[in-house]
Structure formats: structure tokens, C-alpha cells
Amino acid sequence: MHELGAEFDQSVHLNYTKVVLYSQQPTLLGNSSTIYNDSKTLDTLVSFYNYFQHRSMADIALHLLEYLAWFELHKTFYIFYNEQYWQLDMVKPYFQLTYDEVPLPSSAR
């Protein structure tokens, strides 16, 4: 777009925050139809994802503390990727956060 003459608002900053999770080989739990038919796995996933349901800043703080306590005990994380649910058995350093800022093209050539 820039090469075609578009001008970008330089006050806008594009920020990308990435989380890298470190785990052993992920374990496939199944897709939605297999998960919904397995009450034990479904209960585990619902319980896990409840830590990430927030309605207020107080909820965020409370759920984060609850999740950290749960994580310290289980060292497990669950993800939904490519229409499948996966269990990750985490290994140290567990995760890494990266923050990248990408500037928009400027009109100065």
C-alpha cells in the first residue's frame, strides 16, 4: 500500500506480544465432538479455561493467582489449535514473553 502512495498515521504503533510455551510432546485430547462425549476431559478443560474468564480487574487478579497455584501443582496447560484440544506438560522455563514494535512505513524516502 505504501508503494502505491498510501500514507500511514505515524502516531499509530503496531505492537506484537508473543508467548512461547515450553513443553514436552503435546498430547492430543481430541476435537470438540470427542471432547464433549468424554465428561472427565470436558470437566478438566472447563475447569482450566474458567481461570481465564474475566469480568473485572478484580477477577483477573483473583483468577491469575488461582491459576498460578493450580499451575504450580500440575505444570499443565491446555490449548485449542487446528480444531483440536491439546495438553501441554510444561518444562522450565515454562514460557517466554516477547514484545515487538513494528514501525509503519513513512513517507520520507
Protein backbone atom coordinates (compact mmCIF):
# COMPACT_ATOMS: atom_id res chain seq x y z
CA MET A 1 0.00 0.00 0.00
CA HIS A 2 2.83 2.38 0.86
CA GLU A 3 4.41 1.81 -2.55
CA LEU A 4 1.11 2.79 -4.16
CA GLY A 5 1.08 6.11 -2.32
CA ALA A 6 -0.81 5.33 0.88
CA GLU A 7 0.23 7.44 3.84
CA PHE A 8 0.18 5.93 7.32
CA ASP A 9 -0.58 7.71 10.57
CA GLN A 10 2.82 7.65 12.29
CA SER A 11 1.21 8.09 15.72
CA VAL A 12 -0.10 4.52 15.43
CA HIS A 13 2.30 1.89 16.76
CA LEU A 14 1.97 -1.77 15.84
CA ASN A 15 2.85 -3.91 18.84
CA TYR A 16 3.11 -7.67 18.85
CA THR A 17 3.27 -9.58 22.10
CA LYS A 18 4.09 -13.26 21.70
CA VAL A 19 4.09 -16.05 24.23
CA VAL A 20 6.33 -19.07 23.67
CA LEU A 21 5.29 -22.12 25.69
CA TYR A 22 7.90 -24.76 26.55
CA SER A 23 6.58 -28.28 26.89
CA GLN A 24 7.24 -31.90 26.18
CA GLN A 25 5.49 -33.52 23.22
CA PRO A 26 1.87 -32.26 23.26
CA THR A 27 -0.82 -34.85 23.94
CA LEU A 28 -3.83 -34.81 21.61
CA LEU A 29 -7.05 -34.80 23.62
CA GLY A 30 -9.38 -34.72 20.62
CA ASN A 31 -11.70 -32.43 18.71
CA SER A 32 -14.90 -30.89 20.00
CA SER A 33 -17.09 -33.92 19.25
CA THR A 34 -14.76 -36.34 21.08
CA ILE A 35 -14.23 -33.94 24.00
CA TYR A 36 -17.97 -33.36 24.51
CA ASN A 37 -18.51 -37.12 24.76
CA ASP A 38 -15.80 -37.54 27.42
CA SER A 39 -17.09 -35.98 30.63
CA LYS A 40 -13.78 -36.27 32.52
CA THR A 41 -11.78 -34.46 29.82
CA LEU A 42 -14.56 -31.92 29.33
CA ASP A 43 -14.66 -31.16 33.07
CA THR A 44 -10.88 -30.74 33.11
CA LEU A 45 -10.94 -28.31 30.17
CA VAL A 46 -13.86 -26.29 31.54
CA SER A 47 -12.14 -26.05 34.92
CA PHE A 48 -8.89 -24.92 33.26
CA TYR A 49 -10.48 -22.32 30.97
CA ASN A 50 -12.52 -20.88 33.86
CA TYR A 51 -9.26 -19.36 35.13
CA PHE A 52 -9.28 -17.15 32.03
CA GLN A 53 -12.87 -15.87 32.22
CA HIS A 54 -12.78 -12.29 33.50
CA ARG A 55 -15.41 -9.69 34.14
CA SER A 56 -13.37 -7.14 36.10
CA MET A 57 -9.83 -6.29 37.13
CA ALA A 58 -10.51 -7.97 40.48
CA ASP A 59 -11.50 -11.15 38.61
CA ILE A 60 -8.30 -11.00 36.57
CA ALA A 61 -6.13 -10.72 39.69
CA LEU A 62 -8.03 -13.43 41.57
CA HIS A 63 -8.08 -15.88 38.66
CA LEU A 64 -4.40 -15.28 37.91
CA LEU A 65 -3.46 -16.13 41.50
CA GLU A 66 -5.71 -19.21 41.42
CA TYR A 67 -4.22 -20.32 38.10
CA LEU A 68 -0.64 -19.85 39.31
CA ALA A 69 -1.38 -22.06 42.33
CA TRP A 70 -3.01 -24.67 40.08
CA PHE A 71 -0.12 -24.46 37.59
CA GLU A 72 2.48 -24.93 40.33
CA LEU A 73 0.75 -28.18 41.25
CA HIS A 74 0.01 -29.56 37.75
CA LYS A 75 2.55 -27.91 35.39
CA THR A 76 -0.01 -28.36 32.61
CA PHE A 77 -1.50 -26.04 30.02
CA TYR A 78 -4.29 -26.75 27.52
CA ILE A 79 -4.62 -25.19 24.09
CA PHE A 80 -7.07 -25.34 21.21
CA TYR A 81 -5.08 -25.46 17.96
CA ASN A 82 -6.07 -26.61 14.46
CA GLU A 83 -9.56 -27.60 15.64
CA GLN A 84 -8.05 -29.93 18.26
CA TYR A 85 -7.57 -29.75 22.02
CA TRP A 86 -4.03 -30.41 23.26
CA GLN A 87 -2.48 -30.95 26.67
CA LEU A 88 0.98 -29.47 27.21
CA ASP A 89 3.13 -30.85 30.02
CA MET A 90 5.24 -27.80 30.69
CA VAL A 91 9.01 -27.80 31.27
CA LYS A 92 11.21 -25.00 32.59
CA PRO A 93 11.42 -22.13 31.76
CA TYR A 94 7.67 -22.78 31.03
CA PHE A 95 7.12 -19.67 28.90
CA GLN A 96 8.78 -16.64 27.38
CA LEU A 97 7.17 -13.30 26.54
CA THR A 98 8.46 -11.23 23.64
CA TYR A 99 7.34 -7.77 22.69
CA ASP A 100 8.00 -6.38 19.23
CA GLU A 101 7.14 -2.95 17.87
CA VAL A 102 6.95 -2.67 14.10
CA PRO A 103 7.00 0.85 12.63
CA LEU A 104 4.69 1.74 9.80
CA PRO A 105 6.31 2.87 6.56
CA SER A 106 6.93 6.61 6.49
CA SER A 107 6.55 8.95 3.56
CA ALA A 108 10.19 10.03 3.83
CA ARG A 109 12.16 8.30 1.08
